[in-house]
């Protein structure tokens, strides 16, 4: 018997150093699958690419922001109170637009039998 198909949602995380120019580079993905009780985020930051496009960008700040996103998704207490929230609320926090250098894109969805493998595949496609 094969595993059931489960619905999931994901957002592509973008580095947006200057919102006024509407330029960005994909730097990660956050995926939530309620049926599997799974929330995870994975970064794919290419520091050389970011520095080539925006020499004044503080890449360390981008790395820290992505580490925070990954910690929120994982429920790591070092991410603060938001990390203690249920998965649905944590994903809501991660997909909410904000005016920082790391921003979520639109929410997309699909079905999967393996949310972790799907996240890995999305990261590979998104950050090529």
Protein backbone atom coordinates (compact mmCIF):
# COMPACT_ATOMS: atom_id res chain seq x y z
CA UNK A 1 0.00 0.00 0.00
CA UNK A 2 1.48 3.36 -1.02
CA UNK A 3 1.59 6.41 1.21
CA UNK A 4 -1.35 8.82 0.89
CA UNK A 5 -0.99 12.07 -1.01
CA UNK A 6 -0.96 14.97 1.43
CA UNK A 7 -1.56 18.65 0.65
CA UNK A 8 1.20 21.11 1.40
CA UNK A 9 1.87 24.82 1.08
CA UNK A 10 5.17 26.55 0.56
CA UNK A 11 6.71 29.97 0.11
CA UNK A 12 9.93 30.84 -1.64
CA UNK A 13 12.06 33.10 0.52
CA UNK A 14 13.71 35.99 -1.25
CA UNK A 15 16.54 38.35 -0.48
CA UNK A 16 15.25 41.84 -1.27
CA UNK A 17 17.96 44.34 -0.38
CA UNK A 18 16.12 47.32 -1.91
CA UNK A 19 12.35 46.99 -2.12
CA UNK A 20 12.15 50.18 -4.18
CA UNK A 21 13.96 48.42 -7.06
CA UNK A 22 11.82 45.25 -6.84
CA UNK A 23 14.89 43.07 -7.36
CA UNK A 24 15.36 39.83 -5.48
CA UNK A 25 17.22 36.54 -5.39
CA UNK A 26 15.64 33.32 -4.11
CA UNK A 27 17.42 32.16 -0.97
CA UNK A 28 15.26 29.41 0.50
CA UNK A 29 11.90 27.70 0.91
CA UNK A 30 9.52 27.13 3.82
CA UNK A 31 7.10 24.19 3.49
CA UNK A 32 4.11 23.28 5.66
CA UNK A 33 2.21 19.99 5.40
CA UNK A 34 -0.61 19.87 7.94
CA UNK A 35 -1.48 16.22 7.21
CA UNK A 36 2.04 15.12 8.10
CA UNK A 37 2.42 17.61 10.96
CA UNK A 38 5.51 18.91 9.15
CA UNK A 39 6.99 22.40 8.95
CA UNK A 40 10.51 23.00 7.72
CA UNK A 41 12.58 25.67 6.03
CA UNK A 42 15.82 25.33 4.15
CA UNK A 43 18.11 28.05 2.89
CA UNK A 44 20.22 28.09 -0.24
CA UNK A 45 22.10 31.36 0.04
CA UNK A 46 24.74 31.99 -2.61
CA UNK A 47 26.80 34.69 -0.90
CA UNK A 48 28.96 35.33 -3.98
CA UNK A 49 25.89 35.91 -6.14
CA UNK A 50 24.34 38.27 -3.61
CA UNK A 51 27.58 40.23 -3.26
CA UNK A 52 27.96 40.45 -7.04
CA UNK A 53 24.45 41.89 -7.42
CA UNK A 54 24.53 44.14 -4.36
CA UNK A 55 28.10 44.85 -3.19
CA UNK A 56 26.88 46.87 -0.17
CA UNK A 57 24.61 44.06 1.08
CA UNK A 58 25.37 42.70 4.54
CA UNK A 59 25.34 38.99 3.61
CA UNK A 60 25.87 38.03 7.25
CA UNK A 61 22.53 39.66 8.03
CA UNK A 62 20.86 37.57 5.33
CA UNK A 63 22.44 34.39 6.73
CA UNK A 64 21.22 35.30 10.23
CA UNK A 65 17.70 35.99 8.93
CA UNK A 66 17.60 32.60 7.19
CA UNK A 67 18.88 30.87 10.32
CA UNK A 68 16.05 32.54 12.25
CA UNK A 69 13.48 31.30 9.71
CA UNK A 70 14.86 27.76 9.95
CA UNK A 71 14.74 27.98 13.76
CA UNK A 72 11.12 29.18 13.76
CA UNK A 73 10.13 26.33 11.44
CA UNK A 74 11.95 23.81 13.65
CA UNK A 75 10.40 25.15 16.85
CA UNK A 76 13.83 26.03 18.25
CA UNK A 77 13.37 27.99 21.51
CA UNK A 78 16.25 30.28 20.49
CA UNK A 79 13.85 31.81 17.93
CA UNK A 80 11.72 33.22 20.72
CA UNK A 81 8.02 33.00 21.49
CA UNK A 82 6.94 32.45 17.88
CA UNK A 83 8.80 29.13 17.83
CA UNK A 84 6.57 27.84 20.63
CA UNK A 85 3.40 28.38 18.60
CA UNK A 86 1.58 25.56 16.76
CA UNK A 87 2.83 24.72 13.25
CA UNK A 88 -0.05 26.54 11.53
CA UNK A 89 0.75 29.78 13.33
CA UNK A 90 4.47 29.43 12.74
CA UNK A 91 3.89 28.96 9.01
CA UNK A 92 1.55 31.96 9.10
CA UNK A 93 4.37 33.98 10.62
CA UNK A 94 6.87 32.80 7.99
CA UNK A 95 4.58 33.53 5.03
CA UNK A 96 3.52 36.98 6.24
CA UNK A 97 4.97 39.86 4.21
CA UNK A 98 7.33 42.13 6.09
CA UNK A 99 9.72 44.89 5.17
CA UNK A 100 12.99 43.13 5.83
CA UNK A 101 15.79 41.96 3.60
CA UNK A 102 14.34 38.41 3.68
CA UNK A 103 10.77 38.28 2.33
CA UNK A 104 8.35 35.47 1.45
CA UNK A 105 6.92 35.23 -2.04
CA UNK A 106 3.35 34.12 -2.76
CA UNK A 107 2.01 30.92 -1.21
CA UNK A 108 1.96 27.91 -3.55
CA UNK A 109 0.68 24.40 -2.95
CA UNK A 110 0.75 20.83 -4.09
CA UNK A 111 0.51 17.25 -2.90
CA UNK A 112 3.22 14.93 -1.66
CA UNK A 113 3.82 11.62 0.04
CA UNK A 114 7.12 12.87 1.53
CA UNK A 115 7.20 16.52 2.68
CA UNK A 116 10.93 16.46 3.51
CA UNK A 117 11.87 15.17 0.05
CA UNK A 118 9.51 17.69 -1.54
CA UNK A 119 11.22 20.53 0.35
CA UNK A 120 14.62 19.33 -0.86
CA UNK A 121 13.36 19.21 -4.46
CA UNK A 122 11.78 22.66 -4.19
CA UNK A 123 14.98 24.15 -2.81
CA UNK A 124 17.00 22.60 -5.65
CA UNK A 125 14.61 23.97 -8.30
CA UNK A 126 14.12 27.35 -6.68
CA UNK A 127 17.74 28.16 -6.07
CA UNK A 128 19.30 26.94 -9.33
